[in-house]
Each structure stands twice: as C-alpha cells, then as structure tokens.
C-alpha cells in the first residue's frame, strides 16, 4: 500500500471521527468509491486489513488510524 493511500486512509478516518465522534466504525470499503476501479489496490488494503491485522469487518477509525501511523514508522 502506498504512502499516499495510507495518508488518504488517515484523512478519511479523521473526517469520519470529526463528523461522528471517536467511536465511529469503518470497513475497508470506506476508503474506495462504490465501483471497483482499482482491484489491485483493493486487494492490497484487504490483505493488510484481513490477513496482516486480522481486523473485523468494522473497526474503530481510531484503531485504523493508529495502525496506519504505526506501519508508516516501521
């Protein structure tokens, strides 16, 4: 997953938390348009979400943001 897309995930998490509070839950589909115009990127994010971190379908935006920031530091 590219750094640019990681930053997009952080921006979306921040926007959702600002709008709905820190307890808002998101699925990895929240980071994509309703059409599958980039299946390779979708698979990268799904692999990161499901295989690497074993996340549930919906997770707290705060948790997702923390995991992304942590992976950027590695």
N, C-alpha and C. Protein backbone atom coordinates (compact mmCIF):
# COMPACT_ATOMS: atom_id res chain seq x y z
N UNK A 1 0.86 -1.17 0.00
CA UNK A 1 0.00 0.00 0.00
C UNK A 1 0.91 1.23 0.00
N UNK A 2 0.61 2.17 -0.86
CA UNK A 2 1.46 3.35 -0.99
C UNK A 2 1.28 4.30 0.19
N UNK A 3 2.29 5.11 0.39
CA UNK A 3 2.23 6.14 1.45
C UNK A 3 1.08 7.11 1.17
N UNK A 4 0.87 7.44 -0.08
CA UNK A 4 -0.22 8.36 -0.45
C UNK A 4 -1.58 7.76 -0.06
N UNK A 5 -1.76 6.47 -0.30
CA UNK A 5 -3.04 5.86 0.06
C UNK A 5 -3.17 5.74 1.58
N UNK A 6 -2.07 5.46 2.26
CA UNK A 6 -2.09 5.45 3.73
C UNK A 6 -2.53 6.81 4.26
N UNK A 7 -2.00 7.87 3.67
CA UNK A 7 -2.39 9.22 4.09
C UNK A 7 -3.87 9.48 3.79
N UNK A 8 -4.37 8.95 2.69
CA UNK A 8 -5.80 9.07 2.37
C UNK A 8 -6.64 8.38 3.44
N UNK A 9 -6.21 7.21 3.89
CA UNK A 9 -6.92 6.49 4.94
C UNK A 9 -6.96 7.32 6.22
N UNK A 10 -5.84 7.92 6.58
CA UNK A 10 -5.78 8.76 7.78
C UNK A 10 -6.73 9.94 7.63
N UNK A 11 -6.75 10.58 6.47
CA UNK A 11 -7.65 11.72 6.23
C UNK A 11 -9.12 11.31 6.36
N UNK A 12 -9.46 10.16 5.80
CA UNK A 12 -10.85 9.68 5.88
C UNK A 12 -11.21 9.35 7.32
N UNK A 13 -10.30 8.71 8.05
CA UNK A 13 -10.55 8.42 9.47
C UNK A 13 -10.77 9.72 10.25
N UNK A 14 -9.90 10.70 10.03
CA UNK A 14 -10.03 12.00 10.71
C UNK A 14 -11.37 12.65 10.39
N UNK A 15 -11.77 12.63 9.13
CA UNK A 15 -13.04 13.25 8.72
C UNK A 15 -14.23 12.54 9.36
N UNK A 16 -14.22 11.23 9.36
CA UNK A 16 -15.32 10.46 9.96
C UNK A 16 -15.39 10.70 11.46
N UNK A 17 -14.22 10.74 12.13
CA UNK A 17 -14.21 10.98 13.58
C UNK A 17 -14.68 12.39 13.89
N UNK A 18 -14.31 13.37 13.07
CA UNK A 18 -14.75 14.75 13.30
C UNK A 18 -16.26 14.86 13.14
N UNK A 19 -16.81 14.09 12.22
CA UNK A 19 -18.25 14.16 11.95
C UNK A 19 -19.07 13.33 12.93
N UNK A 20 -18.58 12.12 13.28
CA UNK A 20 -19.40 11.19 14.06
C UNK A 20 -18.81 10.79 15.41
N UNK A 21 -17.64 11.32 15.76
CA UNK A 21 -17.03 11.01 17.04
C UNK A 21 -16.00 9.89 16.96
N UNK A 22 -15.26 9.73 18.04
CA UNK A 22 -14.16 8.77 18.07
C UNK A 22 -14.60 7.31 18.04
N UNK A 23 -15.86 7.04 18.30
CA UNK A 23 -16.33 5.65 18.30
C UNK A 23 -16.84 5.18 16.95
N UNK A 24 -16.69 5.99 15.92
CA UNK A 24 -17.19 5.62 14.59
C UNK A 24 -16.42 4.40 14.07
N UNK A 25 -17.16 3.49 13.46
CA UNK A 25 -16.56 2.30 12.87
C UNK A 25 -16.53 2.41 11.36
N UNK A 26 -15.51 1.83 10.76
CA UNK A 26 -15.34 1.84 9.31
C UNK A 26 -14.97 0.45 8.81
N UNK A 27 -15.35 0.16 7.58
CA UNK A 27 -14.84 -1.03 6.91
C UNK A 27 -13.81 -0.57 5.89
N UNK A 28 -13.03 -1.49 5.34
CA UNK A 28 -12.03 -1.05 4.38
C UNK A 28 -12.66 -0.53 3.10
N UNK A 29 -13.92 -0.82 2.87
CA UNK A 29 -14.62 -0.27 1.71
C UNK A 29 -14.83 1.24 1.84
N UNK A 30 -14.73 1.79 3.04
CA UNK A 30 -14.91 3.23 3.25
C UNK A 30 -13.86 4.06 2.51
N UNK A 31 -12.77 3.42 2.12
CA UNK A 31 -11.66 4.14 1.50
C UNK A 31 -11.70 4.08 -0.03
N UNK A 32 -12.78 3.50 -0.56
CA UNK A 32 -12.90 3.32 -2.01
C UNK A 32 -14.23 3.88 -2.49
N UNK A 33 -14.28 4.21 -3.76
CA UNK A 33 -15.54 4.61 -4.39
C UNK A 33 -16.43 3.38 -4.49
N UNK A 34 -17.68 3.57 -4.83
CA UNK A 34 -18.61 2.45 -4.92
C UNK A 34 -18.33 1.51 -6.08
N UNK A 35 -17.46 1.90 -6.98
CA UNK A 35 -17.13 1.00 -8.08
C UNK A 35 -15.70 0.49 -7.89
N UNK A 36 -15.46 -0.69 -8.36
CA UNK A 36 -14.16 -1.33 -8.21
C UNK A 36 -13.25 -0.94 -9.38
N UNK A 37 -12.72 0.28 -9.32
CA UNK A 37 -11.90 0.77 -10.42
C UNK A 37 -10.41 0.52 -10.21
N UNK A 38 -10.03 -0.03 -9.05
CA UNK A 38 -8.64 -0.35 -8.78
C UNK A 38 -8.57 -1.64 -7.96
N UNK A 39 -8.84 -2.78 -8.59
CA UNK A 39 -8.89 -4.04 -7.85
C UNK A 39 -7.57 -4.42 -7.17
N UNK A 40 -6.45 -4.03 -7.76
CA UNK A 40 -5.15 -4.35 -7.16
C UNK A 40 -4.99 -3.64 -5.81
N UNK A 41 -5.34 -2.37 -5.76
CA UNK A 41 -5.26 -1.61 -4.51
C UNK A 41 -6.26 -2.14 -3.49
N UNK A 42 -7.45 -2.48 -3.94
CA UNK A 42 -8.46 -3.05 -3.05
C UNK A 42 -7.93 -4.33 -2.41
N UNK A 43 -7.27 -5.17 -3.17
CA UNK A 43 -6.70 -6.41 -2.63
C UNK A 43 -5.56 -6.11 -1.65
N UNK A 44 -4.75 -5.11 -1.94
CA UNK A 44 -3.68 -4.73 -1.01
C UNK A 44 -4.24 -4.31 0.34
N UNK A 45 -5.28 -3.47 0.30
CA UNK A 45 -5.88 -3.00 1.54
C UNK A 45 -6.59 -4.15 2.26
N UNK A 46 -7.29 -4.99 1.52
CA UNK A 46 -7.96 -6.14 2.12
C UNK A 46 -6.96 -7.08 2.78
N UNK A 47 -5.83 -7.31 2.13
CA UNK A 47 -4.79 -8.16 2.70
C UNK A 47 -4.23 -7.55 3.97
N UNK A 48 -3.96 -6.25 3.95
CA UNK A 48 -3.47 -5.55 5.13
C UNK A 48 -4.49 -5.66 6.26
N UNK A 49 -5.76 -5.48 5.94
CA UNK A 49 -6.85 -5.45 6.91
C UNK A 49 -7.12 -6.85 7.47
N UNK A 50 -7.27 -7.83 6.58
CA UNK A 50 -7.73 -9.16 6.98
C UNK A 50 -6.58 -10.08 7.39
N UNK A 51 -5.58 -10.19 6.54
CA UNK A 51 -4.50 -11.15 6.82
C UNK A 51 -3.47 -10.61 7.81
N UNK A 52 -3.00 -9.40 7.58
CA UNK A 52 -1.94 -8.87 8.43
C UNK A 52 -2.42 -8.52 9.83
N UNK A 53 -3.58 -7.85 9.92
CA UNK A 53 -4.04 -7.37 11.22
C UNK A 53 -5.24 -8.13 11.78
N UNK A 54 -5.82 -9.03 10.97
CA UNK A 54 -6.96 -9.84 11.40
C UNK A 54 -8.08 -8.99 12.00
N UNK A 55 -8.39 -7.89 11.30
CA UNK A 55 -9.43 -6.98 11.76
C UNK A 55 -10.81 -7.51 11.40
N UNK A 56 -11.80 -7.10 12.15
CA UNK A 56 -13.18 -7.43 11.86
C UNK A 56 -13.66 -6.57 10.69
N UNK A 57 -14.86 -6.87 10.21
CA UNK A 57 -15.40 -6.10 9.08
C UNK A 57 -15.45 -4.61 9.41
N UNK A 58 -15.98 -4.27 10.57
CA UNK A 58 -16.00 -2.87 11.02
C UNK A 58 -15.04 -2.73 12.19
N UNK A 59 -14.21 -1.70 12.13
CA UNK A 59 -13.28 -1.38 13.20
C UNK A 59 -13.36 0.12 13.49
N UNK A 60 -12.95 0.49 14.68
CA UNK A 60 -12.95 1.90 15.06
C UNK A 60 -11.94 2.67 14.20
N UNK A 61 -12.34 3.84 13.77
CA UNK A 61 -11.45 4.67 12.95
C UNK A 61 -10.17 5.01 13.71
N UNK A 62 -10.26 5.17 15.03
CA UNK A 62 -9.07 5.47 15.83
C UNK A 62 -8.07 4.33 15.75
N UNK A 63 -8.55 3.10 15.77
CA UNK A 63 -7.67 1.93 15.69
C UNK A 63 -7.01 1.84 14.31
N UNK A 64 -7.79 2.06 13.26
CA UNK A 64 -7.26 2.00 11.91
C UNK A 64 -6.17 3.06 11.73
N UNK A 65 -6.47 4.28 12.16
CA UNK A 65 -5.51 5.37 12.05
C UNK A 65 -4.21 5.04 12.79
N UNK A 66 -4.34 4.50 14.00
CA UNK A 66 -3.17 4.13 14.80
C UNK A 66 -2.32 3.08 14.07
N UNK A 67 -2.97 2.07 13.49
CA UNK A 67 -2.25 1.02 12.78
C UNK A 67 -1.53 1.56 11.55
N UNK A 68 -2.17 2.47 10.84
CA UNK A 68 -1.54 3.07 9.65
C UNK A 68 -0.31 3.89 10.06
N UNK A 69 -0.47 4.72 11.09
CA UNK A 69 0.65 5.56 11.55
C UNK A 69 1.81 4.66 12.02
N UNK A 70 1.47 3.61 12.74
CA UNK A 70 2.49 2.68 13.21
C UNK A 70 3.22 2.02 12.04
N UNK A 71 2.49 1.62 11.00
CA UNK A 71 3.13 0.98 9.85
C UNK A 71 4.00 1.96 9.07
N UNK A 72 3.66 3.25 9.11
CA UNK A 72 4.48 4.26 8.43
C UNK A 72 5.82 4.45 9.13
N UNK A 73 5.87 4.16 10.42
CA UNK A 73 7.10 4.33 11.19
C UNK A 73 8.03 3.13 11.07
N UNK A 74 7.48 2.00 10.61
CA UNK A 74 8.29 0.78 10.52
C UNK A 74 9.20 0.79 9.32
